[in-house]
Amino acid sequence: MEVQIFGTRKCADTRKAQRFFSERRVRAHFVNLSERPASRGELMRFAQRFGVSTLVDVESPRYTDLGLRAARLSDERWLALLVDEPLLLRTPLVRCQQRLTVGLAESEWASWISGS
């Protein structure tokens, strides 16, 4: 079993996800969004499952810095913005084959491990 974790080193939930999989000896590939943003296709996979609004972290400092509190954008525009501004994403984004999660979801990850 191998998982892919999208997040930043500063994000506490991303670090918790890395620790969760590490403690269970699950190989995890970390993608640091500060260095390499997620591709549009990758974000589309999460958006199709959870909706674009779930991917946006409205509590992030970057959301406030960009003045998006009053923004009314289409899903397409949000996706383009998330590709350009990966710090707007709610992290961690975790993928294991076709299974996906947004945010801290330890119970879901545990079910992945027990089911594999």
N, C-alpha and C. Protein backbone atom coordinates (compact mmCIF):
# COMPACT_ATOMS: atom_id res chain seq x y z
N MET A 1 0.85 -1.18 0.00
CA MET A 1 0.00 0.00 0.00
C MET A 1 0.89 1.24 0.00
N GLU A 2 0.50 2.19 -0.81
CA GLU A 2 1.23 3.46 -0.87
C GLU A 2 0.21 4.59 -0.98
N VAL A 3 0.48 5.68 -0.26
CA VAL A 3 -0.40 6.84 -0.30
C VAL A 3 0.37 8.06 -0.79
N GLN A 4 -0.37 9.01 -1.28
CA GLN A 4 0.21 10.29 -1.70
C GLN A 4 -0.44 11.37 -0.85
N ILE A 5 0.40 12.19 -0.20
CA ILE A 5 -0.08 13.25 0.69
C ILE A 5 0.30 14.59 0.09
N PHE A 6 -0.69 15.42 -0.17
CA PHE A 6 -0.46 16.79 -0.64
C PHE A 6 -0.65 17.72 0.55
N GLY A 7 0.32 18.58 0.80
CA GLY A 7 0.22 19.52 1.91
C GLY A 7 1.46 20.39 1.98
N THR A 8 1.61 21.07 3.10
CA THR A 8 2.80 21.89 3.33
C THR A 8 3.44 21.46 4.64
N ARG A 9 4.70 21.73 4.77
CA ARG A 9 5.43 21.35 5.98
C ARG A 9 4.93 22.12 7.21
N LYS A 10 4.37 23.32 7.00
CA LYS A 10 3.87 24.13 8.12
C LYS A 10 2.52 23.67 8.64
N CYS A 11 1.80 22.87 7.87
CA CYS A 11 0.45 22.46 8.23
C CYS A 11 0.48 21.32 9.26
N ALA A 12 -0.12 21.56 10.42
CA ALA A 12 -0.13 20.55 11.49
C ALA A 12 -0.89 19.30 11.07
N ASP A 13 -2.00 19.45 10.36
CA ASP A 13 -2.77 18.28 9.93
C ASP A 13 -1.99 17.44 8.91
N THR A 14 -1.22 18.08 8.07
CA THR A 14 -0.39 17.36 7.11
C THR A 14 0.68 16.56 7.85
N ARG A 15 1.29 17.16 8.84
CA ARG A 15 2.29 16.45 9.64
C ARG A 15 1.66 15.26 10.38
N LYS A 16 0.42 15.44 10.87
CA LYS A 16 -0.29 14.34 11.53
C LYS A 16 -0.55 13.20 10.54
N ALA A 17 -0.91 13.54 9.32
CA ALA A 17 -1.15 12.52 8.29
C ALA A 17 0.15 11.75 8.01
N GLN A 18 1.25 12.47 7.86
CA GLN A 18 2.53 11.81 7.62
C GLN A 18 2.88 10.88 8.78
N ARG A 19 2.69 11.36 9.99
CA ARG A 19 2.99 10.55 11.17
C ARG A 19 2.07 9.32 11.24
N PHE A 20 0.79 9.51 10.94
CA PHE A 20 -0.18 8.41 10.96
C PHE A 20 0.30 7.26 10.07
N PHE A 21 0.66 7.57 8.85
CA PHE A 21 1.06 6.52 7.92
C PHE A 21 2.45 5.97 8.26
N SER A 22 3.33 6.82 8.72
CA SER A 22 4.66 6.38 9.12
C SER A 22 4.60 5.38 10.27
N GLU A 23 3.77 5.67 11.28
CA GLU A 23 3.64 4.78 12.43
C GLU A 23 3.08 3.42 12.04
N ARG A 24 2.35 3.36 10.95
CA ARG A 24 1.75 2.10 10.49
C ARG A 24 2.55 1.47 9.36
N ARG A 25 3.73 2.00 9.14
CA ARG A 25 4.65 1.50 8.11
C ARG A 25 4.02 1.46 6.72
N VAL A 26 3.26 2.50 6.42
CA VAL A 26 2.67 2.65 5.09
C VAL A 26 3.53 3.66 4.35
N ARG A 27 3.94 3.28 3.18
CA ARG A 27 4.78 4.17 2.38
C ARG A 27 3.97 5.38 1.93
N ALA A 28 4.48 6.56 2.21
CA ALA A 28 3.77 7.79 1.86
C ALA A 28 4.67 8.69 1.03
N HIS A 29 4.15 9.12 -0.09
CA HIS A 29 4.86 10.08 -0.95
C HIS A 29 4.30 11.46 -0.63
N PHE A 30 5.17 12.35 -0.14
CA PHE A 30 4.73 13.69 0.25
C PHE A 30 4.98 14.66 -0.89
N VAL A 31 3.95 15.43 -1.25
CA VAL A 31 4.06 16.49 -2.25
C VAL A 31 3.90 17.81 -1.51
N ASN A 32 5.00 18.56 -1.41
CA ASN A 32 4.98 19.84 -0.73
C ASN A 32 4.39 20.89 -1.68
N LEU A 33 3.20 21.35 -1.36
CA LEU A 33 2.51 22.30 -2.24
C LEU A 33 3.22 23.66 -2.30
N SER A 34 4.06 23.95 -1.32
CA SER A 34 4.82 25.20 -1.36
C SER A 34 5.89 25.17 -2.45
N GLU A 35 6.36 23.96 -2.77
CA GLU A 35 7.41 23.82 -3.78
C GLU A 35 6.85 23.40 -5.14
N ARG A 36 5.83 22.55 -5.12
CA ARG A 36 5.26 22.03 -6.37
C ARG A 36 3.75 21.94 -6.23
N PRO A 37 3.02 22.84 -6.87
CA PRO A 37 1.56 22.81 -6.75
C PRO A 37 0.97 21.56 -7.40
N ALA A 38 -0.19 21.17 -6.92
CA ALA A 38 -0.91 20.04 -7.51
C ALA A 38 -1.37 20.41 -8.92
N SER A 39 -1.40 19.43 -9.78
CA SER A 39 -1.85 19.69 -11.15
C SER A 39 -3.37 19.88 -11.18
N ARG A 40 -3.83 20.48 -12.24
CA ARG A 40 -5.26 20.71 -12.40
C ARG A 40 -6.01 19.36 -12.42
N GLY A 41 -5.45 18.38 -13.08
CA GLY A 41 -6.07 17.06 -13.15
C GLY A 41 -6.20 16.41 -11.78
N GLU A 42 -5.16 16.55 -10.98
CA GLU A 42 -5.19 16.00 -9.63
C GLU A 42 -6.27 16.68 -8.79
N LEU A 43 -6.33 18.00 -8.88
CA LEU A 43 -7.36 18.73 -8.14
C LEU A 43 -8.76 18.39 -8.64
N MET A 44 -8.90 18.15 -9.93
CA MET A 44 -10.20 17.77 -10.50
C MET A 44 -10.69 16.47 -9.87
N ARG A 45 -9.76 15.54 -9.65
CA ARG A 45 -10.12 14.26 -9.04
C ARG A 45 -10.76 14.47 -7.67
N PHE A 46 -10.16 15.36 -6.86
CA PHE A 46 -10.70 15.66 -5.54
C PHE A 46 -11.99 16.46 -5.65
N ALA A 47 -12.04 17.41 -6.59
CA ALA A 47 -13.21 18.26 -6.76
C ALA A 47 -14.42 17.45 -7.21
N GLN A 48 -14.22 16.48 -8.07
CA GLN A 48 -15.34 15.65 -8.53
C GLN A 48 -15.93 14.85 -7.38
N ARG A 49 -15.08 14.42 -6.47
CA ARG A 49 -15.55 13.61 -5.35
C ARG A 49 -16.19 14.45 -4.25
N PHE A 50 -15.55 15.59 -3.90
CA PHE A 50 -15.98 16.36 -2.73
C PHE A 50 -16.60 17.71 -3.06
N GLY A 51 -16.41 18.20 -4.27
CA GLY A 51 -16.86 19.54 -4.63
C GLY A 51 -15.74 20.54 -4.42
N VAL A 52 -15.70 21.55 -5.25
CA VAL A 52 -14.62 22.54 -5.21
C VAL A 52 -14.63 23.31 -3.89
N SER A 53 -15.80 23.62 -3.38
CA SER A 53 -15.87 24.42 -2.14
C SER A 53 -15.24 23.70 -0.96
N THR A 54 -15.24 22.38 -0.95
CA THR A 54 -14.61 21.62 0.12
C THR A 54 -13.09 21.76 0.08
N LEU A 55 -12.53 21.97 -1.09
CA LEU A 55 -11.08 22.08 -1.23
C LEU A 55 -10.53 23.42 -0.75
N VAL A 56 -11.37 24.43 -0.68
CA VAL A 56 -10.93 25.78 -0.32
C VAL A 56 -10.90 25.94 1.19
N ASP A 57 -9.75 26.33 1.71
CA ASP A 57 -9.59 26.58 3.14
C ASP A 57 -9.91 28.04 3.43
N VAL A 58 -11.15 28.29 3.84
CA VAL A 58 -11.59 29.67 4.08
C VAL A 58 -10.95 30.26 5.35
N GLU A 59 -10.29 29.44 6.14
CA GLU A 59 -9.62 29.91 7.36
C GLU A 59 -8.15 30.24 7.11
N SER A 60 -7.65 29.98 5.92
CA SER A 60 -6.22 30.20 5.65
C SER A 60 -5.90 31.68 5.54
N PRO A 61 -4.71 32.07 5.98
CA PRO A 61 -4.30 33.47 5.84
C PRO A 61 -4.27 33.92 4.38
N ARG A 62 -3.93 33.01 3.48
CA ARG A 62 -3.85 33.36 2.06
C ARG A 62 -5.23 33.75 1.52
N TYR A 63 -6.27 33.08 1.98
CA TYR A 63 -7.65 33.38 1.58
C TYR A 63 -7.98 34.83 1.93
N THR A 64 -7.61 35.24 3.13
CA THR A 64 -7.85 36.62 3.57
C THR A 64 -6.97 37.60 2.81
N ASP A 65 -5.68 37.24 2.63
CA ASP A 65 -4.74 38.12 1.93
C ASP A 65 -5.20 38.44 0.51
N LEU A 66 -5.80 37.46 -0.14
CA LEU A 66 -6.26 37.67 -1.52
C LEU A 66 -7.64 38.34 -1.58
N GLY A 67 -8.25 38.61 -0.44
CA GLY A 67 -9.53 39.28 -0.39
C GLY A 67 -10.67 38.46 -0.95
N LEU A 68 -10.67 37.17 -0.67
CA LEU A 68 -11.68 36.28 -1.25
C LEU A 68 -12.93 36.11 -0.38
N ARG A 69 -13.00 36.78 0.73
CA ARG A 69 -14.16 36.64 1.62
C ARG A 69 -15.47 36.99 0.92
N ALA A 70 -15.45 37.96 0.05
CA ALA A 70 -16.67 38.38 -0.64
C ALA A 70 -16.73 37.86 -2.08
N ALA A 71 -15.77 37.04 -2.46
CA ALA A 71 -15.69 36.56 -3.84
C ALA A 71 -16.79 35.55 -4.15
N ARG A 72 -17.35 35.65 -5.31
CA ARG A 72 -18.33 34.69 -5.81
C ARG A 72 -17.78 34.18 -7.15
N LEU A 73 -17.05 33.08 -7.09
CA LEU A 73 -16.39 32.57 -8.28
C LEU A 73 -17.04 31.25 -8.71
N SER A 74 -16.94 30.96 -10.00
CA SER A 74 -17.44 29.69 -10.52
C SER A 74 -16.47 28.58 -10.11
N ASP A 75 -16.91 27.35 -10.22
CA ASP A 75 -16.04 26.22 -9.88
C ASP A 75 -14.80 26.20 -10.76
N GLU A 76 -14.96 26.53 -12.03
CA GLU A 76 -13.81 26.56 -12.95
C GLU A 76 -12.78 27.61 -12.50
N ARG A 77 -13.27 28.77 -12.12
CA ARG A 77 -12.37 29.84 -11.67
C ARG A 77 -11.70 29.46 -10.36
N TRP A 78 -12.44 28.81 -9.45
CA TRP A 78 -11.84 28.35 -8.20
C TRP A 78 -10.72 27.34 -8.47
N LEU A 79 -10.97 26.40 -9.39
CA LEU A 79 -9.94 25.42 -9.71
C LEU A 79 -8.69 26.08 -10.26
N ALA A 80 -8.87 27.02 -11.16
CA ALA A 80 -7.73 27.74 -11.71
C ALA A 80 -6.97 28.48 -10.60
N LEU A 81 -7.71 29.07 -9.68
CA LEU A 81 -7.10 29.79 -8.58
C LEU A 81 -6.36 28.83 -7.64
N LEU A 82 -6.92 27.65 -7.40
CA LEU A 82 -6.27 26.67 -6.53
C LEU A 82 -4.98 26.13 -7.15
N VAL A 83 -4.94 26.02 -8.46
CA VAL A 83 -3.71 25.60 -9.13
C VAL A 83 -2.64 26.67 -8.97
N ASP A 84 -3.04 27.94 -9.13
CA ASP A 84 -2.10 29.06 -9.01
C ASP A 84 -1.73 29.38 -7.57
N GLU A 85 -2.64 29.14 -6.64
CA GLU A 85 -2.45 29.48 -5.23
C GLU A 85 -2.69 28.24 -4.35
N PRO A 86 -1.73 27.31 -4.32
CA PRO A 86 -1.94 26.06 -3.58
C PRO A 86 -2.11 26.25 -2.07
N LEU A 87 -1.73 27.41 -1.53
CA LEU A 87 -1.90 27.66 -0.10
C LEU A 87 -3.36 27.91 0.27
N LEU A 88 -4.24 27.98 -0.73
CA LEU A 88 -5.68 28.10 -0.48
C LEU A 88 -6.34 26.74 -0.22
N LEU A 89 -5.60 25.67 -0.49
CA LEU A 89 -6.17 24.33 -0.34
C LEU A 89 -6.30 23.91 1.12
N ARG A 90 -7.36 23.20 1.40
CA ARG A 90 -7.54 22.58 2.71
C ARG A 90 -6.71 21.30 2.70
N THR A 91 -5.75 21.22 3.57
CA THR A 91 -4.82 20.09 3.55
C THR A 91 -4.93 19.28 4.83
N PRO A 92 -4.49 18.04 4.79
CA PRO A 92 -3.85 17.35 3.68
C PRO A 92 -4.88 16.76 2.70
N LEU A 93 -4.46 16.68 1.46
CA LEU A 93 -5.20 15.93 0.46
C LEU A 93 -4.49 14.58 0.37
N VAL A 94 -5.19 13.51 0.64
CA VAL A 94 -4.56 12.19 0.66
C VAL A 94 -5.23 11.30 -0.37
N ARG A 95 -4.38 10.59 -1.12
CA ARG A 95 -4.88 9.70 -2.17
C ARG A 95 -4.22 8.34 -2.04
N CYS A 96 -5.02 7.31 -2.11
CA CYS A 96 -4.54 5.93 -2.16
C CYS A 96 -5.35 5.23 -3.24
N GLN A 97 -4.73 5.04 -4.39
CA GLN A 97 -5.41 4.50 -5.57
C GLN A 97 -6.61 5.38 -5.90
N GLN A 98 -7.83 4.87 -5.82
CA GLN A 98 -9.02 5.67 -6.13
C GLN A 98 -9.67 6.28 -4.89
N ARG A 99 -9.11 6.02 -3.72
CA ARG A 99 -9.67 6.53 -2.47
C ARG A 99 -9.04 7.88 -2.15
N LEU A 100 -9.87 8.84 -1.73
CA LEU A 100 -9.43 10.21 -1.50
C LEU A 100 -9.99 10.74 -0.19
N THR A 101 -9.22 11.64 0.44
CA THR A 101 -9.73 12.38 1.60
C THR A 101 -9.21 13.81 1.53
N VAL A 102 -9.99 14.71 2.14
CA VAL A 102 -9.60 16.11 2.27
C VAL A 102 -9.59 16.42 3.76
N GLY A 103 -8.47 16.94 4.24
CA GLY A 103 -8.36 17.24 5.67
C GLY A 103 -7.96 16.00 6.46
N LEU A 104 -7.94 16.16 7.76
CA LEU A 104 -7.55 15.08 8.67
C LEU A 104 -8.68 14.05 8.74
N ALA A 105 -8.39 12.81 8.34
CA ALA A 105 -9.43 11.76 8.29
C ALA A 105 -8.83 10.44 8.75
N GLU A 106 -8.37 10.39 10.00
CA GLU A 106 -7.68 9.21 10.49
C GLU A 106 -8.54 7.95 10.48
N SER A 107 -9.82 8.06 10.79
CA SER A 107 -10.68 6.87 10.79
C SER A 107 -10.82 6.30 9.37
N GLU A 108 -10.91 7.17 8.41
CA GLU A 108 -10.99 6.74 7.01
C GLU A 108 -9.68 6.05 6.58
N TRP A 109 -8.56 6.65 6.96
CA TRP A 109 -7.26 6.05 6.62
C TRP A 109 -7.09 4.70 7.29
N ALA A 110 -7.54 4.58 8.52
CA ALA A 110 -7.44 3.30 9.23
C ALA A 110 -8.23 2.22 8.50
N SER A 111 -9.40 2.60 7.96
CA SER A 111 -10.20 1.62 7.20
C SER A 111 -9.49 1.21 5.92
N TRP A 112 -8.74 2.13 5.30
CA TRP A 112 -7.96 1.78 4.12
C TRP A 112 -6.93 0.72 4.46
N ILE A 113 -6.25 0.93 5.59
CA ILE A 113 -5.17 0.02 5.98
C ILE A 113 -5.73 -1.34 6.37
N SER A 114 -6.81 -1.36 7.12
CA SER A 114 -7.39 -2.64 7.53
C SER A 114 -8.00 -3.38 6.35
N GLY A 115 -8.43 -2.66 5.34
CA GLY A 115 -9.04 -3.28 4.17
C GLY A 115 -8.05 -3.74 3.11
N SER A 116 -6.78 -3.35 3.23
CA SER A 116 -5.82 -3.72 2.19
C SER A 116 -5.13 -5.04 2.46
